[in-house]
Amino acid sequence: MSRTNEAVALTFDLFGTILDLGGSLKPAITALLEREAPDRSADLFWDQWRVRQRLEQYQDTIMMVGHAGYLETVRRALHYVFRLNEMEPSDSRIQELMAAWQGLSAFPEVVPALERLHERYRLVVLSNGDPHYLDHLVEARVQFPFDGVISATGNGAFKPHPGVYRRAAHLLSLEVSECMMVSSNAFDCVGARACGFQAAYVDRYKLPVEDSPFQPGVTVEDFTELADALL
């Protein structure tokens, strides 16, 4: 725990860490499937969508033919998952589920914990999201006065590309060792650690961390435990 004393800024993943993606999106998925494909599982559909979106992000970064942006990878993944489930990816279906991304909600313990952490640390969003979309989510959905919001779009690549973390430290005028990535995505913690960041893994989903030497220094179950561990 001693290494956490070096941190000046906590950089937070947004999607799935601060914002409850499954809890926010499954009602819309359920409504569409009950109406149009009642034999399909909303839970499985969501899991397929999330996994495919991550693959779309990796392809976007690796192929280097132009950065599509976060919401575009969400849309492309949705198109794929409709086809995977033998459903026509019509514009109306896609628009219906994409609209739900505007109403994402934070996990209930997040803001009280952020208020505690703000007494000691600079708190910054470091997300793969598109800049205007992040502004909407932070202002309208999280409603917390972060000290900054940094989009990976500025690098033209998604996390865990090393440039995303290094650019964030540069924008904050900090050494990488003075930054701690907080994420519920293990790959995000591993990627940040590989760049010299500290990392805290919020293990909301009970998933293992990759077999890597770049392990998070702190592992907690939620933001309440995070604040307890870092203060």
C-alpha atoms as a PDB file:
ATOM      1  CA  MET A   1       0.000   0.000   0.000  1.00  0.00           C
ATOM      2  CA  SER A   2       2.953   2.342   0.447  1.00  0.00           C
ATOM      3  CA  ARG A   3       3.171   3.057  -3.284  1.00  0.00           C
ATOM      4  CA  THR A   4      -0.261   4.677  -3.254  1.00  0.00           C
ATOM      5  CA  ASN A   5       1.240   7.566  -1.272  1.00  0.00           C
ATOM      6  CA  GLU A   6       3.040   8.672  -4.454  1.00  0.00           C
ATOM      7  CA  ALA A   7      -0.199   9.246  -6.341  1.00  0.00           C
ATOM      8  CA  VAL A   8      -1.226  12.840  -6.943  1.00  0.00           C
ATOM      9  CA  ALA A   9      -3.998  12.160  -9.446  1.00  0.00           C
ATOM     10  CA  LEU A  10      -6.481   9.340  -9.856  1.00  0.00           C
ATOM     11  CA  THR A  11      -7.513   8.775 -13.467  1.00  0.00           C
ATOM     12  CA  PHE A  12     -10.834   6.971 -13.793  1.00  0.00           C
ATOM     13  CA  ASP A  13     -12.203   4.737 -16.465  1.00  0.00           C
ATOM     14  CA  LEU A  14     -15.828   5.675 -17.081  1.00  0.00           C
ATOM     15  CA  PHE A  15     -17.596   2.831 -18.896  1.00  0.00           C
ATOM     16  CA  GLY A  16     -18.228  -0.070 -16.561  1.00  0.00           C
ATOM     17  CA  THR A  17     -16.199   1.472 -13.736  1.00  0.00           C
ATOM     18  CA  ILE A  18     -18.115   4.632 -12.843  1.00  0.00           C
ATOM     19  CA  LEU A  19     -21.093   3.994 -15.114  1.00  0.00           C
ATOM     20  CA  ASP A  20     -23.189   0.842 -14.784  1.00  0.00           C
ATOM     21  CA  LEU A  21     -23.393  -0.242 -18.403  1.00  0.00           C
ATOM     22  CA  GLY A  22     -25.274  -3.481 -17.919  1.00  0.00           C
ATOM     23  CA  GLY A  23     -27.754  -2.045 -15.449  1.00  0.00           C
ATOM     24  CA  SER A  24     -28.371   0.947 -17.701  1.00  0.00           C
ATOM     25  CA  LEU A  25     -28.641  -0.862 -21.039  1.00  0.00           C
ATOM     26  CA  LYS A  26     -30.281  -4.198 -20.276  1.00  0.00           C
ATOM     27  CA  PRO A  27     -33.774  -2.700 -19.824  1.00  0.00           C
ATOM     28  CA  ALA A  28     -33.672  -1.378 -23.396  1.00  0.00           C
ATOM     29  CA  ILE A  29     -32.254  -4.662 -24.703  1.00  0.00           C
ATOM     30  CA  THR A  30     -34.918  -6.613 -22.814  1.00  0.00           C
ATOM     31  CA  ALA A  31     -37.729  -4.458 -24.180  1.00  0.00           C
ATOM     32  CA  LEU A  32     -36.576  -4.885 -27.776  1.00  0.00           C
ATOM     33  CA  LEU A  33     -36.001  -8.639 -27.492  1.00  0.00           C
ATOM     34  CA  GLU A  34     -39.302  -9.317 -25.714  1.00  0.00           C
ATOM     35  CA  ARG A  35     -41.067  -7.507 -28.540  1.00  0.00           C
ATOM     36  CA  GLU A  36     -39.122  -8.851 -31.518  1.00  0.00           C
ATOM     37  CA  ALA A  37     -37.144 -11.955 -30.463  1.00  0.00           C
ATOM     38  CA  PRO A  38     -38.546 -13.395 -27.221  1.00  0.00           C
ATOM     39  CA  ASP A  39     -36.409 -16.519 -27.504  1.00  0.00           C
ATOM     40  CA  ARG A  40     -33.221 -14.454 -27.138  1.00  0.00           C
ATOM     41  CA  SER A  41     -31.575 -13.735 -23.766  1.00  0.00           C
ATOM     42  CA  ALA A  42     -30.967 -10.093 -22.867  1.00  0.00           C
ATOM     43  CA  ASP A  43     -28.087 -11.083 -20.585  1.00  0.00           C
ATOM     44  CA  LEU A  44     -26.361 -13.042 -23.334  1.00  0.00           C
ATOM     45  CA  PHE A  45     -27.039 -10.309 -25.906  1.00  0.00           C
ATOM     46  CA  TRP A  46     -25.424  -7.726 -23.638  1.00  0.00           C
ATOM     47  CA  ASP A  47     -22.395  -9.932 -22.947  1.00  0.00           C
ATOM     48  CA  GLN A  48     -21.929 -10.487 -26.678  1.00  0.00           C
ATOM     49  CA  TRP A  49     -22.276  -6.768 -27.389  1.00  0.00           C
ATOM     50  CA  ARG A  50     -19.696  -5.758 -24.781  1.00  0.00           C
ATOM     51  CA  VAL A  51     -17.162  -8.371 -25.858  1.00  0.00           C
ATOM     52  CA  ARG A  52     -17.573  -7.472 -29.517  1.00  0.00           C
ATOM     53  CA  GLN A  53     -17.205  -3.766 -28.805  1.00  0.00           C
ATOM     54  CA  ARG A  54     -13.828  -4.363 -27.206  1.00  0.00           C
ATOM     55  CA  LEU A  55     -12.747  -6.332 -30.264  1.00  0.00           C
ATOM     56  CA  GLU A  56     -13.887  -3.446 -32.465  1.00  0.00           C
ATOM     57  CA  GLN A  57     -11.740  -1.090 -30.390  1.00  0.00           C
ATOM     58  CA  TYR A  58      -8.673  -3.293 -30.684  1.00  0.00           C
ATOM     59  CA  GLN A  59      -9.187  -3.587 -34.451  1.00  0.00           C
ATOM     60  CA  ASP A  60      -9.611   0.176 -34.728  1.00  0.00           C
ATOM     61  CA  THR A  61      -6.294   0.764 -32.954  1.00  0.00           C
ATOM     62  CA  ILE A  62      -4.307  -1.990 -34.671  1.00  0.00           C
ATOM     63  CA  MET A  63      -5.486  -1.382 -38.240  1.00  0.00           C
ATOM     64  CA  MET A  64      -4.586   2.345 -38.147  1.00  0.00           C
ATOM     65  CA  VAL A  65      -6.930   3.328 -40.962  1.00  0.00           C
ATOM     66  CA  GLY A  66      -8.522   6.164 -38.988  1.00  0.00           C
ATOM     67  CA  HIS A  67      -9.929   6.424 -35.482  1.00  0.00           C
ATOM     68  CA  ALA A  68     -13.657   5.715 -35.625  1.00  0.00           C
ATOM     69  CA  GLY A  69     -14.503   6.834 -32.093  1.00  0.00           C
ATOM     70  CA  TYR A  70     -16.166   5.131 -29.164  1.00  0.00           C
ATOM     71  CA  LEU A  71     -19.820   5.293 -30.148  1.00  0.00           C
ATOM     72  CA  GLU A  72     -19.027   4.077 -33.639  1.00  0.00           C
ATOM     73  CA  THR A  73     -17.393   0.958 -32.195  1.00  0.00           C
ATOM     74  CA  VAL A  74     -20.519   0.480 -30.085  1.00  0.00           C
ATOM     75  CA  ARG A  75     -22.669   0.709 -33.225  1.00  0.00           C
ATOM     76  CA  ARG A  76     -20.479  -1.642 -35.239  1.00  0.00           C
ATOM     77  CA  ALA A  77     -20.515  -4.176 -32.417  1.00  0.00           C
ATOM     78  CA  LEU A  78     -24.299  -3.947 -32.172  1.00  0.00           C
ATOM     79  CA  HIS A  79     -24.644  -4.530 -35.916  1.00  0.00           C
ATOM     80  CA  TYR A  80     -22.496  -7.659 -35.560  1.00  0.00           C
ATOM     81  CA  VAL A  81     -24.438  -8.996 -32.535  1.00  0.00           C
ATOM     82  CA  PHE A  82     -27.800  -8.566 -34.252  1.00  0.00           C
ATOM     83  CA  ARG A  83     -26.482 -10.728 -37.079  1.00  0.00           C
ATOM     84  CA  LEU A  84     -24.958 -13.185 -34.606  1.00  0.00           C
ATOM     85  CA  ASN A  85     -28.451 -13.611 -33.154  1.00  0.00           C
ATOM     86  CA  GLU A  86     -29.995 -13.971 -36.617  1.00  0.00           C
ATOM     87  CA  MET A  87     -31.773 -10.624 -36.362  1.00  0.00           C
ATOM     88  CA  GLU A  88     -31.776  -7.980 -39.073  1.00  0.00           C
ATOM     89  CA  PRO A  89     -29.582  -5.027 -37.963  1.00  0.00           C
ATOM     90  CA  SER A  90     -32.139  -2.486 -39.160  1.00  0.00           C
ATOM     91  CA  ASP A  91     -31.656   1.230 -38.610  1.00  0.00           C
ATOM     92  CA  SER A  92     -34.622   1.350 -36.252  1.00  0.00           C
ATOM     93  CA  ARG A  93     -33.307  -1.465 -34.055  1.00  0.00           C
ATOM     94  CA  ILE A  94     -29.838   0.024 -33.935  1.00  0.00           C
ATOM     95  CA  GLN A  95     -31.129   3.509 -33.167  1.00  0.00           C
ATOM     96  CA  GLU A  96     -33.363   2.183 -30.392  1.00  0.00           C
ATOM     97  CA  LEU A  97     -30.518   0.541 -28.518  1.00  0.00           C
ATOM     98  CA  MET A  98     -27.933   3.221 -29.276  1.00  0.00           C
ATOM     99  CA  ALA A  99     -30.254   5.828 -27.739  1.00  0.00           C
ATOM    100  CA  ALA A 100     -29.973   4.045 -24.397  1.00  0.00           C
ATOM    101  CA  TRP A 101     -26.283   4.984 -24.207  1.00  0.00           C
ATOM    102  CA  GLN A 102     -27.305   8.595 -23.585  1.00  0.00           C
ATOM    103  CA  GLY A 103     -28.943   7.619 -20.285  1.00  0.00           C
ATOM    104  CA  LEU A 104     -26.167   5.674 -18.578  1.00  0.00           C
ATOM    105  CA  SER A 105     -26.224   5.877 -14.789  1.00  0.00           C
ATOM    106  CA  ALA A 106     -23.427   5.720 -12.226  1.00  0.00           C
ATOM    107  CA  PHE A 107     -23.116   2.952  -9.677  1.00  0.00           C
ATOM    108  CA  PRO A 108     -24.765   4.229  -6.469  1.00  0.00           C
ATOM    109  CA  GLU A 109     -21.642   4.316  -4.279  1.00  0.00           C
ATOM    110  CA  VAL A 110     -19.493   6.222  -6.786  1.00  0.00           C
ATOM    111  CA  VAL A 111     -20.213   9.882  -6.062  1.00  0.00           C
ATOM    112  CA  PRO A 112     -20.003   9.629  -2.236  1.00  0.00           C
ATOM    113  CA  ALA A 113     -16.635   7.891  -2.610  1.00  0.00           C
ATOM    114  CA  LEU A 114     -15.407  10.493  -5.126  1.00  0.00           C
ATOM    115  CA  GLU A 115     -16.286  13.244  -2.668  1.00  0.00           C
ATOM    116  CA  ARG A 116     -14.071  11.573  -0.065  1.00  0.00           C
ATOM    117  CA  LEU A 117     -11.204  10.991  -2.499  1.00  0.00           C
ATOM    118  CA  HIS A 118     -11.336  14.583  -3.742  1.00  0.00           C
ATOM    119  CA  GLU A 119     -10.055  15.759  -0.361  1.00  0.00           C
ATOM    120  CA  ARG A 120      -6.642  14.234  -1.165  1.00  0.00           C
ATOM    121  CA  TYR A 121      -6.326  13.628  -4.913  1.00  0.00           C
ATOM    122  CA  ARG A 122      -6.906  15.286  -8.244  1.00  0.00           C
ATOM    123  CA  LEU A 123      -9.700  13.303  -9.878  1.00  0.00           C
ATOM    124  CA  VAL A 124      -9.693  12.985 -13.657  1.00  0.00           C
ATOM    125  CA  VAL A 125     -11.731  10.947 -16.137  1.00  0.00           C
ATOM    126  CA  LEU A 126      -9.490   9.094 -18.604  1.00  0.00           C
ATOM    127  CA  SER A 127     -11.817   7.367 -21.026  1.00  0.00           C
ATOM    128  CA  ASN A 128     -12.077   5.898 -24.499  1.00  0.00           C
ATOM    129  CA  GLY A 129     -15.262   7.914 -24.995  1.00  0.00           C
ATOM    130  CA  ASP A 130     -15.705  10.648 -27.564  1.00  0.00           C
ATOM    131  CA  PRO A 131     -15.085  14.153 -26.098  1.00  0.00           C
ATOM    132  CA  HIS A 132     -18.605  15.602 -26.462  1.00  0.00           C
ATOM    133  CA  TYR A 133     -20.133  12.353 -25.283  1.00  0.00           C
ATOM    134  CA  LEU A 134     -17.898  12.352 -22.200  1.00  0.00           C
ATOM    135  CA  ASP A 135     -18.927  15.920 -21.430  1.00  0.00           C
ATOM    136  CA  HIS A 136     -22.586  14.891 -21.554  1.00  0.00           C
ATOM    137  CA  LEU A 137     -22.058  11.869 -19.324  1.00  0.00           C
ATOM    138  CA  VAL A 138     -19.965  13.677 -16.729  1.00  0.00           C
ATOM    139  CA  GLU A 139     -22.236  16.703 -16.520  1.00  0.00           C
ATOM    140  CA  ALA A 140     -25.667  15.106 -16.897  1.00  0.00           C
ATOM    141  CA  ARG A 141     -25.243  11.535 -15.689  1.00  0.00           C
ATOM    142  CA  VAL A 142     -22.423  11.401 -13.113  1.00  0.00           C
ATOM    143  CA  GLN A 143     -22.826  15.008 -11.956  1.00  0.00           C
ATOM    144  CA  PHE A 144     -19.481  15.284 -10.208  1.00  0.00           C
ATOM    145  CA  PRO A 145     -16.958  18.146 -10.624  1.00  0.00           C
ATOM    146  CA  PHE A 146     -13.912  16.252 -11.869  1.00  0.00           C
ATOM    147  CA  ASP A 147     -10.639  18.145 -12.183  1.00  0.00           C
ATOM    148  CA  GLY A 148     -10.401  17.123 -15.813  1.00  0.00           C
ATOM    149  CA  VAL A 149     -11.839  14.921 -18.539  1.00  0.00           C
ATOM    150  CA  ILE A 150      -9.385  13.360 -20.987  1.00  0.00           C
ATOM    151  CA  SER A 151     -10.493  11.430 -24.051  1.00  0.00           C
ATOM    152  CA  ALA A 152      -8.368   8.810 -25.765  1.00  0.00           C
ATOM    153  CA  THR A 153      -9.571  10.383 -29.014  1.00  0.00           C
ATOM    154  CA  GLY A 154      -6.694  12.838 -28.630  1.00  0.00           C
ATOM    155  CA  ASN A 155      -4.328   9.947 -29.293  1.00  0.00           C
ATOM    156  CA  GLY A 156      -6.315   8.453 -32.171  1.00  0.00           C
ATOM    157  CA  ALA A 157      -6.251   5.121 -30.348  1.00  0.00           C
ATOM    158  CA  PHE A 158      -8.102   3.351 -27.561  1.00  0.00           C
ATOM    159  CA  LYS A 159      -6.767   2.205 -24.223  1.00  0.00           C
ATOM    160  CA  PRO A 160      -4.639   0.242 -23.518  1.00  0.00           C
ATOM    161  CA  HIS A 161      -2.488   1.996 -26.144  1.00  0.00           C
ATOM    162  CA  PRO A 162       0.460   3.378 -24.140  1.00  0.00           C
ATOM    163  CA  GLY A 163       0.138   6.831 -25.644  1.00  0.00           C
ATOM    164  CA  VAL A 164      -3.219   7.337 -23.943  1.00  0.00           C
ATOM    165  CA  TYR A 165      -1.726   7.030 -20.473  1.00  0.00           C
ATOM    166  CA  ARG A 166       1.446   8.959 -21.263  1.00  0.00           C
ATOM    167  CA  ARG A 167      -0.499  11.809 -22.831  1.00  0.00           C
ATOM    168  CA  ALA A 168      -2.751  11.973 -19.774  1.00  0.00           C
ATOM    169  CA  ALA A 169       0.247  12.347 -17.453  1.00  0.00           C
ATOM    170  CA  HIS A 170       1.665  15.006 -19.781  1.00  0.00           C
ATOM    171  CA  LEU A 171      -1.606  16.976 -19.793  1.00  0.00           C
ATOM    172  CA  LEU A 172      -1.700  16.806 -16.004  1.00  0.00           C
ATOM    173  CA  SER A 173       1.961  17.958 -15.770  1.00  0.00           C
ATOM    174  CA  LEU A 174       2.757  14.868 -13.720  1.00  0.00           C
ATOM    175  CA  GLU A 175       5.194  11.982 -13.846  1.00  0.00           C
ATOM    176  CA  VAL A 176       3.515   8.744 -14.834  1.00  0.00           C
ATOM    177  CA  SER A 177       4.326   7.354 -11.372  1.00  0.00           C
ATOM    178  CA  GLU A 178       2.237  10.145  -9.835  1.00  0.00           C
ATOM    179  CA  CYS A 179      -0.889   8.906 -11.629  1.00  0.00           C
ATOM    180  CA  MET A 180      -3.077   5.976 -10.612  1.00  0.00           C
ATOM    181  CA  MET A 181      -5.461   4.394 -13.103  1.00  0.00           C
ATOM    182  CA  VAL A 182      -8.718   3.243 -11.512  1.00  0.00           C
ATOM    183  CA  SER A 183     -10.621   0.786 -13.653  1.00  0.00           C
ATOM    184  CA  SER A 184     -12.964  -2.194 -13.568  1.00  0.00           C
ATOM    185  CA  ASN A 185     -11.331  -3.396 -16.791  1.00  0.00           C
ATOM    186  CA  ALA A 186      -8.258  -5.470 -15.957  1.00  0.00           C
ATOM    187  CA  PHE A 187      -6.636  -4.734 -19.333  1.00  0.00           C
ATOM    188  CA  ASP A 188      -6.810  -1.028 -18.463  1.00  0.00           C
ATOM    189  CA  CYS A 189      -4.947  -1.556 -15.201  1.00  0.00           C
ATOM    190  CA  VAL A 190      -2.335  -3.732 -16.919  1.00  0.00           C
ATOM    191  CA  GLY A 191      -1.892  -1.218 -19.728  1.00  0.00           C
ATOM    192  CA  ALA A 192      -1.489   1.656 -17.305  1.00  0.00           C
ATOM    193  CA  ARG A 193       1.002  -0.227 -15.147  1.00  0.00           C
ATOM    194  CA  ALA A 194       3.069  -1.071 -18.234  1.00  0.00           C
ATOM    195  CA  CYS A 195       3.422   2.688 -18.781  1.00  0.00           C
ATOM    196  CA  GLY A 196       4.563   3.409 -15.231  1.00  0.00           C
ATOM    197  CA  PHE A 197       1.194   4.346 -13.746  1.00  0.00           C
ATOM    198  CA  GLN A 198       0.005   2.910 -10.491  1.00  0.00           C
ATOM    199  CA  ALA A 199      -3.290   1.055 -10.801  1.00  0.00           C
ATOM    200  CA  ALA A 200      -6.315   0.159  -8.714  1.00  0.00           C
ATOM    201  CA  TYR A 201      -8.559  -2.621  -9.976  1.00  0.00           C
ATOM    202  CA  VAL A 202     -12.224  -2.249  -9.044  1.00  0.00           C
ATOM    203  CA  ASP A 203     -13.196  -5.888  -9.430  1.00  0.00           C
ATOM    204  CA  ARG A 204     -16.937  -5.357  -9.857  1.00  0.00           C
ATOM    205  CA  TYR A 205     -17.423  -8.352 -12.115  1.00  0.00           C
ATOM    206  CA  LYS A 206     -15.261 -10.976 -10.374  1.00  0.00           C
ATOM    207  CA  LEU A 207     -12.934 -11.384 -13.338  1.00  0.00           C
ATOM    208  CA  PRO A 208      -9.242 -12.309 -13.228  1.00  0.00           C
ATOM    209  CA  VAL A 209      -6.396 -10.031 -14.192  1.00  0.00           C
ATOM    210  CA  GLU A 210      -4.305 -11.007 -17.202  1.00  0.00           C
ATOM    211  CA  ASP A 211      -1.209 -13.169 -16.712  1.00  0.00           C
ATOM    212  CA  SER A 212       1.179 -10.228 -16.756  1.00  0.00           C
ATOM    213  CA  PRO A 213       3.959  -8.793 -14.590  1.00  0.00           C
ATOM    214  CA  PHE A 214       2.035  -5.495 -14.610  1.00  0.00           C
ATOM    215  CA  GLN A 215      -0.447  -6.190 -11.848  1.00  0.00           C
ATOM    216  CA  PRO A 216      -2.584  -3.558 -10.083  1.00  0.00           C
ATOM    217  CA  GLY A 217      -1.262  -2.561  -6.680  1.00  0.00           C
ATOM    218  CA  VAL A 218      -4.719  -2.256  -5.181  1.00  0.00           C
ATOM    219  CA  THR A 219      -7.755  -4.475  -5.734  1.00  0.00           C
ATOM    220  CA  VAL A 220     -11.167  -3.587  -4.302  1.00  0.00           C
ATOM    221  CA  GLU A 221     -14.783  -4.539  -4.944  1.00  0.00           C
ATOM    222  CA  ASP A 222     -16.314  -1.065  -5.286  1.00  0.00           C
ATOM    223  CA  PHE A 223     -15.628   2.636  -4.809  1.00  0.00           C
ATOM    224  CA  THR A 224     -16.391   2.575  -1.094  1.00  0.00           C
ATOM    225  CA  GLU A 225     -13.558   0.096  -0.626  1.00  0.00           C
ATOM    226  CA  LEU A 226     -11.401   2.179  -2.983  1.00  0.00           C
ATOM    227  CA  ALA A 227     -11.774   5.268  -0.793  1.00  0.00           C
ATOM    228  CA  ASP A 228     -11.070   3.225   2.327  1.00  0.00           C
ATOM    229  CA  ALA A 229      -7.901   1.806   0.742  1.00  0.00           C
ATOM    230  CA  LEU A 230      -6.511   5.098  -0.567  1.00  0.00           C
ATOM    231  CA  LEU A 231      -7.260   7.456   2.297  1.00  0.00           C
END
